[in-house]
Amino acid sequence: MIGSIANRTLLQPKSLADALKMLRDEGPLTPLAGCTDLYVALNFGTLKDVRFLNLWGLERLRPIGIRAGMLAIGALATYTDLIRSPVVRKRLPMLVAAAREVGGVQIQNRGTIGGNVVNASPAGDTLPVLAAADAVVVLQSAGGVRRIPFNAFYTGYRQTVRRSDEIVVALEIAPIRGRQYFRKVGTRAAQAISKVVMAGVAGTPPRIALGSVAPTVIRAAQTEAAIAGGASLEAAQRILADELSPIDDMRSTAEYRRRVAVNLLAQFVLGR
């Protein structure tokens, strides 16, 4: 069933302040920007939201730069923006690698990192990177700003702590020391939804995050602690397998996802 745009309302704010006021006074509203996920839901007839707030034109939410020593990425930065950004390539190359894996060029030109975060799919390509980077999600409402550690942002499958009157305006990442790692495994080499995706930062302790192996993106905290404590690779792989809670679905099986994840862990640990 193809959804219809009839009987749906789209509000067009002129500024961020205007958008926040609309959320407060005229909500509930569903913020949208690149619409790369929204149009899929519309085409499949699963889009239940009827009132939307168009953020696409709010250019102040697009810049990428350094702020107070932190890498600050505007929520409306597209995947193409991330790929082309010299500061992202220098500070967070694993995010560039993830952005290159998202869809085709058309999706990279429209899809935004803020949308990927708020969409909250456990298969989101950038989410393990942000988890491994200990990113901070910056939320803003008409009442003020609050910062939430990325690893506390998700509360369940496609559920977050974002309130209905808030917009994700930016992501902040402190400088990272250590080798960065990113790998996505899908049905095809490109333009595929992930079966397993892993991001990591080598260090003591290491940081390891995975997507498509649980209801939300996860940090493999027990595996991190085991590696930091000198556990063998084989022991760390067993611990990781126990930390995961993958499912069987149309893209893969739980057993395959576990096997891939432990193999990716070996690549990360061995620096391959």
Protein backbone atom coordinates (compact mmCIF):
# COMPACT_ATOMS: atom_id res chain seq x y z
CA MET A 1 0.00 0.00 0.00
CA ILE A 2 1.35 3.39 -0.99
CA GLY A 3 0.66 6.12 1.53
CA SER A 4 -0.96 9.43 0.69
CA ILE A 5 0.13 12.98 1.49
CA ALA A 6 -3.50 14.04 1.69
CA ASN A 7 -4.70 15.20 5.10
CA ARG A 8 -1.12 15.78 6.27
CA THR A 9 0.13 19.16 7.47
CA LEU A 10 3.61 20.60 6.93
CA LEU A 11 4.74 23.62 8.94
CA GLN A 12 7.64 25.70 7.61
CA PRO A 13 9.57 27.62 10.31
CA LYS A 14 11.67 30.62 9.32
CA SER A 15 14.28 30.11 12.04
CA LEU A 16 15.31 27.74 14.81
CA ALA A 17 13.52 29.94 17.34
CA ASP A 18 10.41 29.78 15.17
CA ALA A 19 10.67 25.98 14.96
CA LEU A 20 11.01 25.62 18.73
CA LYS A 21 8.03 27.90 19.28
CA MET A 22 5.95 25.82 16.88
CA LEU A 23 6.90 22.63 18.71
CA ARG A 24 5.87 24.20 22.00
CA ASP A 25 2.66 25.88 20.88
CA GLU A 26 1.39 23.80 17.97
CA GLY A 27 2.58 20.29 18.78
CA PRO A 28 2.61 17.42 18.53
CA LEU A 29 4.70 17.78 15.39
CA THR A 30 7.16 15.38 13.78
CA PRO A 31 10.39 17.13 12.73
CA LEU A 32 11.69 16.19 9.28
CA ALA A 33 14.65 17.18 7.13
CA GLY A 34 16.12 14.96 4.40
CA CYS A 35 13.09 12.63 4.46
CA THR A 36 15.10 9.59 3.33
CA ASP A 37 13.43 7.40 5.97
CA LEU A 38 10.10 9.20 5.98
CA TYR A 39 9.48 8.61 2.28
CA VAL A 40 10.12 4.89 2.72
CA ALA A 41 7.46 4.77 5.42
CA LEU A 42 5.11 6.81 3.23
CA ASN A 43 5.59 4.49 0.25
CA PHE A 44 4.95 1.40 2.38
CA GLY A 45 1.86 2.95 3.93
CA THR A 46 3.29 2.76 7.45
CA LEU A 47 3.65 6.49 8.09
CA LYS A 48 1.24 7.30 10.91
CA ASP A 49 2.33 10.87 11.64
CA VAL A 50 0.13 13.56 10.09
CA ARG A 51 1.67 16.88 11.22
CA PHE A 52 5.26 17.72 10.34
CA LEU A 53 7.81 20.45 11.00
CA ASN A 54 10.21 21.03 8.09
CA LEU A 55 13.72 21.77 9.39
CA TRP A 56 15.53 21.40 6.06
CA GLY A 57 15.95 25.14 5.48
CA LEU A 58 17.50 25.91 8.89
CA GLU A 59 21.08 26.45 7.74
CA ARG A 60 22.36 27.18 11.24
CA LEU A 61 21.89 23.49 12.02
CA ARG A 62 24.21 22.40 9.19
CA PRO A 63 27.77 23.66 10.04
CA ILE A 64 30.60 21.36 11.10
CA GLY A 65 33.52 22.74 13.10
CA ILE A 66 35.47 22.87 16.34
CA ARG A 67 33.76 24.45 19.34
CA ALA A 68 35.49 24.64 22.73
CA GLY A 69 37.84 21.89 21.60
CA MET A 70 34.98 19.58 20.61
CA LEU A 71 34.05 18.45 17.14
CA ALA A 72 30.58 19.96 16.70
CA ILE A 73 28.41 18.53 13.92
CA GLY A 74 25.14 20.24 13.11
CA ALA A 75 22.15 17.90 13.05
CA LEU A 76 21.37 18.84 9.44
CA ALA A 77 24.85 17.97 8.19
CA THR A 78 24.35 15.49 5.37
CA TYR A 79 26.42 12.39 4.78
CA THR A 80 28.02 14.22 1.86
CA ASP A 81 28.91 17.08 4.21
CA LEU A 82 30.59 14.57 6.54
CA ILE A 83 32.50 12.89 3.72
CA ARG A 84 33.79 16.22 2.41
CA SER A 85 34.61 17.81 5.77
CA PRO A 86 38.38 18.12 6.39
CA VAL A 87 37.84 18.37 10.14
CA VAL A 88 35.73 15.20 10.26
CA ARG A 89 38.27 13.35 8.11
CA LYS A 90 40.99 14.39 10.55
CA ARG A 91 39.15 13.96 13.85
CA LEU A 92 36.72 11.14 13.18
CA PRO A 93 37.67 9.13 10.07
CA MET A 94 35.45 6.24 11.14
CA LEU A 95 32.44 8.56 10.72
CA VAL A 96 33.53 9.36 7.17
CA ALA A 97 33.79 5.62 6.52
CA ALA A 98 30.27 5.13 7.88
CA ALA A 99 28.86 8.01 5.83
CA ARG A 100 30.29 6.48 2.66
CA GLU A 101 28.34 3.29 3.39
CA VAL A 102 24.94 5.00 3.60
CA GLY A 103 22.85 4.33 0.50
CA GLY A 104 23.85 5.89 -2.81
CA VAL A 105 24.89 9.42 -3.70
CA GLN A 106 21.29 10.65 -3.70
CA ILE A 107 20.73 9.45 -0.14
CA GLN A 108 24.09 10.83 0.98
CA ASN A 109 23.13 14.23 -0.44
CA ARG A 110 19.82 14.35 1.44
CA GLY A 111 20.13 12.18 4.52
CA THR A 112 21.25 13.93 7.71
CA ILE A 113 23.17 12.68 10.71
CA GLY A 114 20.52 14.11 13.02
CA GLY A 115 17.86 12.15 11.18
CA ASN A 116 19.90 8.95 11.50
CA VAL A 117 20.20 9.54 15.24
CA VAL A 118 16.52 10.36 15.85
CA ASN A 119 15.20 7.64 13.54
CA ALA A 120 16.75 5.28 16.10
CA SER A 121 17.07 2.23 13.87
CA PRO A 122 19.49 -0.31 15.38
CA ALA A 123 20.84 -0.71 11.82
CA GLY A 124 21.77 2.98 11.48
CA ASP A 125 25.25 3.11 9.97
CA THR A 126 26.54 6.13 11.90
CA LEU A 127 25.23 5.09 15.30
CA PRO A 128 27.99 2.65 16.34
CA VAL A 129 30.54 5.33 15.42
CA LEU A 130 28.84 7.88 17.64
CA ALA A 131 28.55 5.31 20.44
CA ALA A 132 32.24 4.37 20.22
CA ALA A 133 33.18 8.05 20.05
CA ASP A 134 31.28 8.82 23.28
CA ALA A 135 29.37 11.52 21.42
CA VAL A 136 26.99 13.90 23.17
CA VAL A 137 23.55 14.65 21.72
CA VAL A 138 22.60 18.33 22.00
CA LEU A 139 18.84 18.86 22.31
CA GLN A 140 17.11 22.22 22.28
CA SER A 141 13.59 23.33 23.17
CA ALA A 142 12.00 26.71 23.70
CA GLY A 143 12.94 26.28 27.35
CA GLY A 144 16.66 25.72 26.83
CA VAL A 145 19.39 23.26 25.90
CA ARG A 146 20.31 19.91 27.38
CA ARG A 147 23.13 17.51 26.56
CA ILE A 148 22.67 13.75 26.71
CA PRO A 149 25.50 11.22 26.41
CA PHE A 150 24.89 9.29 23.21
CA ASN A 151 25.06 5.99 25.06
CA ALA A 152 22.12 7.12 27.23
CA PHE A 153 20.03 8.48 24.35
CA TYR A 154 18.23 5.26 23.39
CA THR A 155 15.76 3.60 25.72
CA GLY A 156 14.51 0.79 23.46
CA TYR A 157 13.77 -0.16 19.89
CA ARG A 158 13.27 3.14 18.02
CA GLN A 159 12.80 4.93 21.34
CA THR A 160 14.85 7.84 22.67
CA VAL A 161 14.85 10.31 25.55
CA ARG A 162 14.04 13.20 23.20
CA ARG A 163 10.94 15.05 24.35
CA SER A 164 8.26 16.06 21.86
CA ASP A 165 9.15 19.75 22.28
CA GLU A 166 12.86 19.19 21.52
CA ILE A 167 14.98 19.15 18.38
CA VAL A 168 18.37 17.49 18.08
CA VAL A 169 20.50 20.45 17.03
CA ALA A 170 24.04 19.04 17.13
CA LEU A 171 26.41 16.27 18.11
CA GLU A 172 29.58 16.94 20.07
CA ILE A 173 32.63 14.67 20.13
CA ALA A 174 35.71 15.14 22.28
CA PRO A 175 39.14 14.50 20.72
CA ILE A 176 39.83 10.79 20.30
CA ARG A 177 43.18 9.13 20.81
CA GLY A 178 43.74 5.72 19.34
CA ARG A 179 43.23 3.87 16.10
CA GLN A 180 39.68 4.05 14.79
CA TYR A 181 37.86 1.14 13.17
CA PHE A 182 34.65 0.82 11.17
CA ARG A 183 33.19 -2.10 9.27
CA LYS A 184 29.73 -2.76 7.87
CA VAL A 185 28.56 -6.14 6.62
CA GLY A 186 25.48 -6.26 4.42
CA THR A 187 23.94 -8.36 1.69
CA ARG A 188 25.79 -6.35 -0.96
CA ALA A 189 29.01 -4.36 -0.99
CA ALA A 190 27.03 -1.12 -1.26
CA GLN A 191 23.50 0.28 -0.84
CA ALA A 192 22.45 -2.37 1.66
CA ILE A 193 20.99 -2.27 5.15
CA SER A 194 23.53 -3.63 7.59
CA LYS A 195 23.46 -7.15 8.95
CA VAL A 196 26.19 -6.18 11.41
CA VAL A 197 28.07 -2.94 11.82
CA MET A 198 30.96 -2.35 14.24
CA ALA A 199 32.95 0.72 15.22
CA GLY A 200 35.84 0.83 17.64
CA VAL A 201 38.59 2.93 19.16
CA ALA A 202 41.77 1.14 20.20
CA GLY A 203 43.01 2.12 23.63
CA THR A 204 42.99 1.20 27.31
CA PRO A 205 40.19 0.51 27.67
CA PRO A 206 39.07 0.10 24.07
CA ARG A 207 35.67 1.30 22.90
CA ILE A 208 33.56 -1.13 20.90
CA ALA A 209 30.05 -0.48 19.58
CA LEU A 210 27.78 -2.53 17.35
CA GLY A 211 24.58 -2.12 15.39
CA SER A 212 21.99 -4.61 14.08
CA VAL A 213 22.71 -7.05 16.91
CA ALA A 214 20.27 -5.76 19.56
CA PRO A 215 17.14 -3.57 19.79
CA THR A 216 19.41 -0.51 19.95
CA VAL A 217 23.00 0.26 19.08
CA ILE A 218 25.13 -1.08 21.94
CA ARG A 219 28.48 -0.58 23.60
CA ALA A 220 30.12 -3.93 24.32
CA ALA A 221 31.13 -2.94 27.84
CA GLN A 222 31.99 -6.43 29.08
CA THR A 223 34.12 -7.12 26.03
CA GLU A 224 35.88 -3.79 26.44
CA ALA A 225 36.68 -4.61 30.07
CA ALA A 226 37.91 -8.09 29.18
CA ILE A 227 40.31 -6.79 26.52
CA ALA A 228 41.54 -4.04 28.85
CA GLY A 229 42.17 -6.71 31.49
CA GLY A 230 44.36 -8.77 29.18
CA ALA A 231 41.89 -11.44 28.10
CA SER A 232 42.81 -13.50 25.06
CA LEU A 233 41.10 -12.77 21.77
CA GLU A 234 39.21 -16.05 22.00
CA ALA A 235 37.92 -15.20 25.48
CA ALA A 236 36.91 -11.71 24.34
CA GLN A 237 35.03 -13.20 21.40
CA ARG A 238 33.08 -15.52 23.69
CA ILE A 239 32.17 -12.61 25.93
CA LEU A 240 31.06 -10.53 22.95
CA ALA A 241 28.86 -13.34 21.65
CA ASP A 242 27.10 -13.42 25.03
CA GLU A 243 26.62 -9.63 25.06
CA LEU A 244 24.67 -9.61 21.81
CA SER A 245 20.94 -10.19 21.40
CA PRO A 246 20.44 -10.43 17.62
CA ILE A 247 17.29 -11.66 15.93
CA ASP A 248 16.38 -13.69 12.87
CA ASP A 249 14.82 -11.44 10.23
CA MET A 250 14.54 -11.06 6.47
CA ARG A 251 18.15 -9.86 6.19
CA SER A 252 19.97 -12.43 8.31
CA THR A 253 19.92 -14.89 11.19
CA ALA A 254 20.91 -14.36 14.79
CA GLU A 255 23.61 -17.02 14.50
CA TYR A 256 25.16 -15.40 11.42
CA ARG A 257 25.19 -12.01 13.11
CA ARG A 258 27.00 -13.44 16.14
CA ARG A 259 29.60 -15.12 13.95
CA VAL A 260 30.20 -11.97 11.94
CA ALA A 261 30.45 -9.84 15.07
CA VAL A 262 33.12 -12.02 16.68
CA ASN A 263 35.07 -12.06 13.40
CA LEU A 264 34.91 -8.26 13.22
CA LEU A 265 36.17 -8.12 16.79
CA ALA A 266 39.21 -10.11 15.70
CA GLN A 267 39.83 -7.65 12.86
CA PHE A 268 39.60 -4.74 15.28
CA VAL A 269 41.85 -6.25 17.94
CA LEU A 270 44.46 -7.40 15.41
CA GLY A 271 44.43 -4.07 13.58
CA ARG A 272 43.33 -5.44 10.24
